[in-house]
Amino acid sequence: MKTFVFISDLQMPYHDRKAWRAVLNFIGDTQPDEVVNIGDVTDYPQPSRWTKGTKAEFEGGALKDAAYTRRYYCEALRAEYEGPSSLLGSNHGIRPGQYFAKNNPALLDDEHPNPFTEDKLLRLDEYGIDFHEDFYDFAPGWTATHGHLGFSLSRYAGGTAIGAARKIGKSVVCGHTHRAGVISESRGYKGRVETLTGLEIGNLMDMKQANYLKHGAGNWQQAFGIVRVSGTKVFPELVMINNAAFIVNGEKYSA
């Protein structure tokens, strides 16, 4: 049996440091077969469309934020875990590369590819972390994707993931919405049943640092996912985080 740990939406440097430390403790203690980050590991606010034409656009910071993520995500993960790990492309992750390509097209050609793609900014090769631009088919009948690639967003936890599963015909693990939920749907006849599952794995962001919420609360839940694979059988589990603590198999983990 293989065990995958799925995490999403830290949006460094705006992550919940205690929650991330608790998840790291769990990863270090259990040593899963693979750790998969669904994306938005870095926020990259400067090159976003929200700051276009404002003072914030010219304050810089994308390179500094990438260095921060290398230290507090890549290095922190590798300090606890040496096994296989992946990062998926995401809407926040593509911001620096898109910004550079749009504003500096004369500097790009076939011999000089974009130097600001996320895999290059985070130097993933140096940390032995694989990069999947869109989808990662990690188990029979299952794929992982961030959730930003043309899927309809649901207000309800798990709704975006099951919607994506319906669209592509595979069970889906996704992030993007910051919501945590798992929904399954089954169909068939004469004893033949097919089940699709959508696993939406929440976030590890510090909501208090999301200034755009105007001091309110978003419909967000902190969580991460565990998926166990035995042959062709796949068993998804959602782990809810409460005040930087959670319980797996009767064991409590905290910062």
C-alpha atoms as a PDB file:
ATOM      1  CA  MET A   1       0.000   0.000   0.000  1.00  0.00           C
ATOM      2  CA  LYS A   2       1.191   3.508  -0.841  1.00  0.00           C
ATOM      3  CA  THR A   3       0.320   6.559   1.222  1.00  0.00           C
ATOM      4  CA  PHE A   4       0.159  10.055  -0.286  1.00  0.00           C
ATOM      5  CA  VAL A   5      -0.070  13.244   1.753  1.00  0.00           C
ATOM      6  CA  PHE A   6      -1.680  16.160  -0.102  1.00  0.00           C
ATOM      7  CA  ILE A   7      -1.335  19.775   1.030  1.00  0.00           C
ATOM      8  CA  SER A   8      -2.455  22.999  -0.605  1.00  0.00           C
ATOM      9  CA  ASP A   9      -2.600  26.781  -0.511  1.00  0.00           C
ATOM     10  CA  LEU A  10       0.038  27.796   2.008  1.00  0.00           C
ATOM     11  CA  GLN A  11       0.450  31.051   0.052  1.00  0.00           C
ATOM     12  CA  MET A  12       3.750  31.884   1.718  1.00  0.00           C
ATOM     13  CA  PRO A  13       4.623  34.200   3.406  1.00  0.00           C
ATOM     14  CA  TYR A  14       0.971  34.352   4.514  1.00  0.00           C
ATOM     15  CA  HIS A  15       0.822  30.760   5.717  1.00  0.00           C
ATOM     16  CA  ASP A  16      -0.234  29.615   9.176  1.00  0.00           C
ATOM     17  CA  ARG A  17       3.169  28.830  10.638  1.00  0.00           C
ATOM     18  CA  LYS A  18       1.870  26.659  13.481  1.00  0.00           C
ATOM     19  CA  ALA A  19      -0.424  24.623  11.237  1.00  0.00           C
ATOM     20  CA  TRP A  20       2.402  24.062   8.747  1.00  0.00           C
ATOM     21  CA  ARG A  21       4.720  23.000  11.567  1.00  0.00           C
ATOM     22  CA  ALA A  22       2.126  20.489  12.776  1.00  0.00           C
ATOM     23  CA  VAL A  23       1.797  19.020   9.271  1.00  0.00           C
ATOM     24  CA  LEU A  24       5.589  18.836   8.988  1.00  0.00           C
ATOM     25  CA  ASN A  25       5.700  16.973  12.302  1.00  0.00           C
ATOM     26  CA  PHE A  26       3.170  14.498  10.923  1.00  0.00           C
ATOM     27  CA  ILE A  27       5.118  14.027   7.687  1.00  0.00           C
ATOM     28  CA  GLY A  28       8.361  13.523   9.594  1.00  0.00           C
ATOM     29  CA  ASP A  29       6.754  11.043  11.967  1.00  0.00           C
ATOM     30  CA  THR A  30       4.895   8.945   9.386  1.00  0.00           C
ATOM     31  CA  GLN A  31       7.209   9.210   6.337  1.00  0.00           C
ATOM     32  CA  PRO A  32       4.558   8.764   3.614  1.00  0.00           C
ATOM     33  CA  ASP A  33       5.381   7.370   0.189  1.00  0.00           C
ATOM     34  CA  GLU A  34       4.926  10.804  -1.415  1.00  0.00           C
ATOM     35  CA  VAL A  35       4.117  14.375  -0.413  1.00  0.00           C
ATOM     36  CA  VAL A  36       2.157  16.295  -3.043  1.00  0.00           C
ATOM     37  CA  ASN A  37       1.633  20.050  -2.864  1.00  0.00           C
ATOM     38  CA  ILE A  38      -1.449  20.913  -4.919  1.00  0.00           C
ATOM     39  CA  GLY A  39      -0.195  24.461  -5.516  1.00  0.00           C
ATOM     40  CA  ASP A  40      -0.317  28.105  -4.411  1.00  0.00           C
ATOM     41  CA  VAL A  41       2.648  27.409  -2.166  1.00  0.00           C
ATOM     42  CA  THR A  42       3.687  31.067  -2.654  1.00  0.00           C
ATOM     43  CA  ASP A  43       1.273  34.008  -2.844  1.00  0.00           C
ATOM     44  CA  TYR A  44       3.245  36.305  -5.221  1.00  0.00           C
ATOM     45  CA  PRO A  45       1.026  39.392  -4.734  1.00  0.00           C
ATOM     46  CA  GLN A  46       3.227  41.854  -6.657  1.00  0.00           C
ATOM     47  CA  PRO A  47       2.755  40.479 -10.202  1.00  0.00           C
ATOM     48  CA  SER A  48      -0.979  39.823  -9.749  1.00  0.00           C
ATOM     49  CA  ARG A  49      -3.771  41.580 -11.629  1.00  0.00           C
ATOM     50  CA  TRP A  50      -4.930  43.025  -8.305  1.00  0.00           C
ATOM     51  CA  THR A  51      -1.818  45.225  -8.032  1.00  0.00           C
ATOM     52  CA  LYS A  52      -1.543  46.217 -11.705  1.00  0.00           C
ATOM     53  CA  GLY A  53      -0.968  49.962 -11.969  1.00  0.00           C
ATOM     54  CA  THR A  54      -0.700  50.437  -8.209  1.00  0.00           C
ATOM     55  CA  LYS A  55       2.272  51.235  -6.003  1.00  0.00           C
ATOM     56  CA  ALA A  56       2.462  47.578  -4.952  1.00  0.00           C
ATOM     57  CA  GLU A  57       3.318  46.502  -8.511  1.00  0.00           C
ATOM     58  CA  PHE A  58       6.587  48.429  -8.346  1.00  0.00           C
ATOM     59  CA  GLU A  59       7.629  47.425  -4.845  1.00  0.00           C
ATOM     60  CA  GLY A  60       9.185  44.182  -6.045  1.00  0.00           C
ATOM     61  CA  GLY A  61       9.176  41.118  -3.900  1.00  0.00           C
ATOM     62  CA  ALA A  62       8.572  38.074  -6.112  1.00  0.00           C
ATOM     63  CA  LEU A  63      12.212  36.985  -5.888  1.00  0.00           C
ATOM     64  CA  LYS A  64      12.233  37.611  -2.157  1.00  0.00           C
ATOM     65  CA  ASP A  65       9.027  35.620  -1.732  1.00  0.00           C
ATOM     66  CA  ALA A  66      10.480  32.744  -3.765  1.00  0.00           C
ATOM     67  CA  ALA A  67      13.559  32.718  -1.532  1.00  0.00           C
ATOM     68  CA  TYR A  68      11.272  32.678   1.514  1.00  0.00           C
ATOM     69  CA  THR A  69       9.396  29.663   0.115  1.00  0.00           C
ATOM     70  CA  ARG A  70      12.620  27.825  -0.627  1.00  0.00           C
ATOM     71  CA  ARG A  71      13.645  28.255   2.994  1.00  0.00           C
ATOM     72  CA  TYR A  72      10.368  27.644   4.782  1.00  0.00           C
ATOM     73  CA  TYR A  73       8.793  25.130   2.428  1.00  0.00           C
ATOM     74  CA  CYS A  74      11.444  23.312   0.379  1.00  0.00           C
ATOM     75  CA  GLU A  75      14.169  23.240   3.010  1.00  0.00           C
ATOM     76  CA  ALA A  76      11.734  22.701   5.880  1.00  0.00           C
ATOM     77  CA  LEU A  77      10.133  19.749   4.083  1.00  0.00           C
ATOM     78  CA  ARG A  78      13.492  18.196   3.226  1.00  0.00           C
ATOM     79  CA  ALA A  79      14.632  18.551   6.835  1.00  0.00           C
ATOM     80  CA  GLU A  80      11.822  16.145   7.805  1.00  0.00           C
ATOM     81  CA  TYR A  81      11.372  14.015   4.686  1.00  0.00           C
ATOM     82  CA  GLU A  82      13.652  12.736   1.922  1.00  0.00           C
ATOM     83  CA  GLY A  83      11.077  10.791  -0.100  1.00  0.00           C
ATOM     84  CA  PRO A  84       9.330  11.610  -3.379  1.00  0.00           C
ATOM     85  CA  SER A  85       7.593  14.976  -3.538  1.00  0.00           C
ATOM     86  CA  SER A  86       5.745  16.987  -6.166  1.00  0.00           C
ATOM     87  CA  LEU A  87       4.397  20.493  -6.716  1.00  0.00           C
ATOM     88  CA  LEU A  88       1.546  21.274  -9.090  1.00  0.00           C
ATOM     89  CA  GLY A  89       1.107  24.385 -11.190  1.00  0.00           C
ATOM     90  CA  SER A  90      -1.409  26.901  -9.843  1.00  0.00           C
ATOM     91  CA  ASN A  91      -2.906  30.336 -10.445  1.00  0.00           C
ATOM     92  CA  HIS A  92      -0.591  32.019  -7.927  1.00  0.00           C
ATOM     93  CA  GLY A  93       2.414  30.004  -9.057  1.00  0.00           C
ATOM     94  CA  ILE A  94       2.157  31.150 -12.678  1.00  0.00           C
ATOM     95  CA  ARG A  95       1.996  34.869 -11.800  1.00  0.00           C
ATOM     96  CA  PRO A  96       5.731  35.732 -12.051  1.00  0.00           C
ATOM     97  CA  GLY A  97       6.212  33.836 -15.308  1.00  0.00           C
ATOM     98  CA  GLN A  98       3.127  35.326 -16.919  1.00  0.00           C
ATOM     99  CA  TYR A  99       4.110  38.824 -15.782  1.00  0.00           C
ATOM    100  CA  PHE A 100       7.594  38.487 -17.233  1.00  0.00           C
ATOM    101  CA  ALA A 101       6.358  37.052 -20.545  1.00  0.00           C
ATOM    102  CA  LYS A 102       3.752  39.794 -20.949  1.00  0.00           C
ATOM    103  CA  ASN A 103       6.042  42.705 -20.142  1.00  0.00           C
ATOM    104  CA  ASN A 104       9.332  41.393 -21.568  1.00  0.00           C
ATOM    105  CA  PRO A 105       8.522  39.329 -24.666  1.00  0.00           C
ATOM    106  CA  ALA A 106      11.606  40.656 -26.493  1.00  0.00           C
ATOM    107  CA  LEU A 107      13.819  38.827 -23.978  1.00  0.00           C
ATOM    108  CA  LEU A 108      12.347  35.382 -24.693  1.00  0.00           C
ATOM    109  CA  ASP A 109      13.051  32.943 -27.499  1.00  0.00           C
ATOM    110  CA  ASP A 110      13.522  29.195 -27.996  1.00  0.00           C
ATOM    111  CA  GLU A 111      17.078  29.331 -26.659  1.00  0.00           C
ATOM    112  CA  HIS A 112      16.171  31.509 -23.671  1.00  0.00           C
ATOM    113  CA  PRO A 113      13.046  30.167 -21.938  1.00  0.00           C
ATOM    114  CA  ASN A 114      11.200  32.099 -19.279  1.00  0.00           C
ATOM    115  CA  PRO A 115      13.419  32.245 -16.159  1.00  0.00           C
ATOM    116  CA  PHE A 116      10.525  33.080 -13.848  1.00  0.00           C
ATOM    117  CA  THR A 117       8.450  29.930 -14.049  1.00  0.00           C
ATOM    118  CA  GLU A 118       7.724  28.501 -10.613  1.00  0.00           C
ATOM    119  CA  ASP A 119       9.925  25.429 -10.957  1.00  0.00           C
ATOM    120  CA  LYS A 120      12.898  27.689 -11.743  1.00  0.00           C
ATOM    121  CA  LEU A 121      12.138  30.317  -9.083  1.00  0.00           C
ATOM    122  CA  LEU A 122      11.918  27.654  -6.390  1.00  0.00           C
ATOM    123  CA  ARG A 123      14.864  25.652  -7.808  1.00  0.00           C
ATOM    124  CA  LEU A 124      12.817  22.492  -7.426  1.00  0.00           C
ATOM    125  CA  ASP A 125      15.490  20.342  -9.072  1.00  0.00           C
ATOM    126  CA  GLU A 126      17.896  21.190  -6.269  1.00  0.00           C
ATOM    127  CA  TYR A 127      15.411  19.851  -3.725  1.00  0.00           C
ATOM    128  CA  GLY A 128      14.410  16.792  -5.729  1.00  0.00           C
ATOM    129  CA  ILE A 129      10.827  18.020  -6.050  1.00  0.00           C
ATOM    130  CA  ASP A 130       8.977  17.142  -9.262  1.00  0.00           C
ATOM    131  CA  PHE A 131       6.822  19.742 -11.000  1.00  0.00           C
ATOM    132  CA  HIS A 132       3.531  18.954 -12.742  1.00  0.00           C
ATOM    133  CA  GLU A 133       2.174  21.876 -14.723  1.00  0.00           C
ATOM    134  CA  ASP A 134      -1.482  20.835 -14.796  1.00  0.00           C
ATOM    135  CA  PHE A 135      -2.454  17.266 -13.757  1.00  0.00           C
ATOM    136  CA  TYR A 136      -0.758  14.463 -11.834  1.00  0.00           C
ATOM    137  CA  ASP A 137      -2.249  10.990 -12.360  1.00  0.00           C
ATOM    138  CA  PHE A 138      -1.011   9.458  -9.140  1.00  0.00           C
ATOM    139  CA  ALA A 139      -3.289   6.406  -8.797  1.00  0.00           C
ATOM    140  CA  PRO A 140      -5.622   4.303 -10.973  1.00  0.00           C
ATOM    141  CA  GLY A 141      -8.691   6.384 -11.790  1.00  0.00           C
ATOM    142  CA  TRP A 142      -7.413   9.399  -9.828  1.00  0.00           C
ATOM    143  CA  THR A 143      -5.695  12.656 -10.698  1.00  0.00           C
ATOM    144  CA  ALA A 144      -4.556  15.726  -8.776  1.00  0.00           C
ATOM    145  CA  THR A 145      -4.868  19.279 -10.052  1.00  0.00           C
ATOM    146  CA  HIS A 146      -4.856  22.654  -8.374  1.00  0.00           C
ATOM    147  CA  GLY A 147      -8.418  23.517  -9.433  1.00  0.00           C
ATOM    148  CA  HIS A 148      -7.968  26.676 -11.503  1.00  0.00           C
ATOM    149  CA  LEU A 149      -7.991  25.134 -14.977  1.00  0.00           C
ATOM    150  CA  GLY A 150     -11.480  25.997 -16.172  1.00  0.00           C
ATOM    151  CA  PHE A 151     -13.494  24.161 -13.533  1.00  0.00           C
ATOM    152  CA  SER A 152     -16.654  25.719 -12.091  1.00  0.00           C
ATOM    153  CA  LEU A 153     -16.146  26.910  -8.524  1.00  0.00           C
ATOM    154  CA  SER A 154     -18.669  25.831  -5.921  1.00  0.00           C
ATOM    155  CA  ARG A 155     -19.601  27.674  -2.739  1.00  0.00           C
ATOM    156  CA  TYR A 156     -19.795  24.329  -0.954  1.00  0.00           C
ATOM    157  CA  ALA A 157     -16.837  22.372   0.329  1.00  0.00           C
ATOM    158  CA  GLY A 158     -16.073  19.479  -1.980  1.00  0.00           C
ATOM    159  CA  GLY A 159     -18.303  20.833  -4.748  1.00  0.00           C
ATOM    160  CA  THR A 160     -15.475  22.105  -6.932  1.00  0.00           C
ATOM    161  CA  ALA A 161     -13.602  18.799  -6.699  1.00  0.00           C
ATOM    162  CA  ILE A 162     -16.601  16.612  -7.591  1.00  0.00           C
ATOM    163  CA  GLY A 163     -17.475  19.003 -10.413  1.00  0.00           C
ATOM    164  CA  ALA A 164     -13.974  18.581 -11.810  1.00  0.00           C
ATOM    165  CA  ALA A 165     -14.297  14.806 -11.439  1.00  0.00           C
ATOM    166  CA  ARG A 166     -17.534  14.806 -13.441  1.00  0.00           C
ATOM    167  CA  LYS A 167     -15.909  16.907 -16.152  1.00  0.00           C
ATOM    168  CA  ILE A 168     -12.822  14.768 -16.687  1.00  0.00           C
ATOM    169  CA  GLY A 169     -14.211  11.355 -15.726  1.00  0.00           C
ATOM    170  CA  LYS A 170     -11.675  10.644 -12.983  1.00  0.00           C
ATOM    171  CA  SER A 171     -11.702  11.112  -9.231  1.00  0.00           C
ATOM    172  CA  VAL A 172      -9.961  14.362  -8.308  1.00  0.00           C
ATOM    173  CA  VAL A 173      -7.892  15.811  -5.495  1.00  0.00           C
ATOM    174  CA  CYS A 174      -7.793  19.612  -5.687  1.00  0.00           C
ATOM    175  CA  GLY A 175      -7.216  22.788  -3.698  1.00  0.00           C
ATOM    176  CA  HIS A 176      -7.675  26.378  -4.892  1.00  0.00           C
ATOM    177  CA  THR A 177     -10.953  27.132  -3.093  1.00  0.00           C
ATOM    178  CA  HIS A 178      -9.465  26.975   0.435  1.00  0.00           C
ATOM    179  CA  ARG A 179     -12.430  24.749   1.333  1.00  0.00           C
ATOM    180  CA  ALA A 180     -12.233  21.201   2.691  1.00  0.00           C
ATOM    181  CA  GLY A 181     -14.724  18.510   1.778  1.00  0.00           C
ATOM    182  CA  VAL A 182     -15.112  15.117   0.175  1.00  0.00           C
ATOM    183  CA  ILE A 183     -18.045  14.137  -2.044  1.00  0.00           C
ATOM    184  CA  SER A 184     -18.654  10.874  -3.897  1.00  0.00           C
ATOM    185  CA  GLU A 185     -21.167  10.022  -6.602  1.00  0.00           C
ATOM    186  CA  SER A 186     -22.002   6.535  -7.856  1.00  0.00           C
ATOM    187  CA  ARG A 187     -23.804   5.358 -10.983  1.00  0.00           C
ATOM    188  CA  GLY A 188     -24.383   2.096 -12.810  1.00  0.00           C
ATOM    189  CA  TYR A 189     -26.872  -0.758 -13.225  1.00  0.00           C
ATOM    190  CA  LYS A 190     -27.215  -4.528 -12.822  1.00  0.00           C
ATOM    191  CA  GLY A 191     -24.612  -4.625 -10.088  1.00  0.00           C
ATOM    192  CA  ARG A 192     -22.008  -2.649 -12.009  1.00  0.00           C
ATOM    193  CA  VAL A 193     -21.224   0.517 -10.072  1.00  0.00           C
ATOM    194  CA  GLU A 194     -18.787   3.314 -10.858  1.00  0.00           C
ATOM    195  CA  THR A 195     -17.897   5.856  -8.182  1.00  0.00           C
ATOM    196  CA  LEU A 196     -16.272   9.232  -8.672  1.00  0.00           C
ATOM    197  CA  THR A 197     -14.875  11.120  -5.691  1.00  0.00           C
ATOM    198  CA  GLY A 198     -13.857  14.741  -5.288  1.00  0.00           C
ATOM    199  CA  LEU A 199     -11.447  15.487  -2.451  1.00  0.00           C
ATOM    200  CA  GLU A 200     -10.990  19.202  -1.761  1.00  0.00           C
ATOM    201  CA  ILE A 201      -8.172  19.608   0.725  1.00  0.00           C
ATOM    202  CA  GLY A 202      -8.596  23.063   2.243  1.00  0.00           C
ATOM    203  CA  ASN A 203      -5.682  25.375   2.955  1.00  0.00           C
ATOM    204  CA  LEU A 204      -2.795  26.123   5.312  1.00  0.00           C
ATOM    205  CA  MET A 205      -3.046  29.914   5.056  1.00  0.00           C
ATOM    206  CA  ASP A 206      -3.386  32.347   7.963  1.00  0.00           C
ATOM    207  CA  MET A 207      -6.805  33.873   7.289  1.00  0.00           C
ATOM    208  CA  LYS A 208      -5.950  36.920   9.433  1.00  0.00           C
ATOM    209  CA  GLN A 209      -3.356  37.919   6.832  1.00  0.00           C
ATOM    210  CA  ALA A 210      -5.901  37.935   3.994  1.00  0.00           C
ATOM    211  CA  ASN A 211      -6.587  41.678   4.072  1.00  0.00           C
ATOM    212  CA  TYR A 212      -9.073  41.435   1.211  1.00  0.00           C
ATOM    213  CA  LEU A 213     -11.517  39.691   3.548  1.00  0.00           C
ATOM    214  CA  LYS A 214     -12.064  43.098   5.232  1.00  0.00           C
ATOM    215  CA  HIS A 215     -11.704  41.618   8.716  1.00  0.00           C
ATOM    216  CA  GLY A 216     -14.463  39.082   8.049  1.00  0.00           C
ATOM    217  CA  ALA A 217     -14.211  35.335   7.614  1.00  0.00           C
ATOM    218  CA  GLY A 218     -13.973  33.510   4.326  1.00  0.00           C
ATOM    219  CA  ASN A 219     -15.746  30.210   3.798  1.00  0.00           C
ATOM    220  CA  TRP A 220     -12.407  28.462   4.244  1.00  0.00           C
ATOM    221  CA  GLN A 221     -11.282  25.440   6.227  1.00  0.00           C
ATOM    222  CA  GLN A 222      -7.781  24.386   7.209  1.00  0.00           C
ATOM    223  CA  ALA A 223      -7.088  20.776   6.297  1.00  0.00           C
ATOM    224  CA  PHE A 224      -4.932  18.375   4.307  1.00  0.00           C
ATOM    225  CA  GLY A 225      -5.539  15.057   2.604  1.00  0.00           C
ATOM    226  CA  ILE A 226      -4.271  11.501   2.970  1.00  0.00           C
ATOM    227  CA  VAL A 227      -4.849   9.062   0.113  1.00  0.00           C
ATOM    228  CA  ARG A 228      -3.949   5.402   0.502  1.00  0.00           C
ATOM    229  CA  VAL A 229      -3.592   3.258  -2.602  1.00  0.00           C
ATOM    230  CA  SER A 230      -3.700  -0.533  -2.548  1.00  0.00           C
ATOM    231  CA  GLY A 231      -3.536  -1.931  -6.059  1.00  0.00           C
ATOM    232  CA  THR A 232      -6.522  -0.461  -7.901  1.00  0.00           C
ATOM    233  CA  LYS A 233      -8.317   0.492  -4.678  1.00  0.00           C
ATOM    234  CA  VAL A 234      -8.012   4.088  -3.459  1.00  0.00           C
ATOM    235  CA  PHE A 235      -8.994   5.315   0.006  1.00  0.00           C
ATOM    236  CA  PRO A 236      -9.185   9.119   0.470  1.00  0.00           C
ATOM    237  CA  GLU A 237      -9.218  10.789   3.880  1.00  0.00           C
ATOM    238  CA  LEU A 238      -9.667  14.431   4.825  1.00  0.00           C
ATOM    239  CA  VAL A 239      -7.841  15.636   7.943  1.00  0.00           C
ATOM    240  CA  MET A 240      -9.353  18.757   9.491  1.00  0.00           C
ATOM    241  CA  ILE A 241      -7.071  21.147  11.389  1.00  0.00           C
ATOM    242  CA  ASN A 242      -8.341  22.948  14.484  1.00  0.00           C
ATOM    243  CA  ASN A 243      -6.143  25.653  16.026  1.00  0.00           C
ATOM    244  CA  ALA A 244      -3.003  24.171  14.418  1.00  0.00           C
ATOM    245  CA  ALA A 245      -3.765  20.676  15.720  1.00  0.00           C
ATOM    246  CA  PHE A 246      -5.266  17.519  14.229  1.00  0.00           C
ATOM    247  CA  ILE A 247      -5.655  13.809  14.917  1.00  0.00           C
ATOM    248  CA  VAL A 248      -4.721  10.937  12.605  1.00  0.00           C
ATOM    249  CA  ASN A 249      -5.135   7.300  13.675  1.00  0.00           C
ATOM    250  CA  GLY A 250      -5.734   8.397  17.258  1.00  0.00           C
ATOM    251  CA  GLU A 251      -2.466  10.391  17.397  1.00  0.00           C
ATOM    252  CA  LYS A 252      -2.615  14.136  18.004  1.00  0.00           C
ATOM    253  CA  TYR A 253      -0.212  16.390  16.141  1.00  0.00           C
ATOM    254  CA  SER A 254       0.478  20.060  16.850  1.00  0.00           C
ATOM    255  CA  ALA A 255       3.192  22.684  16.478  1.00  0.00           C
END
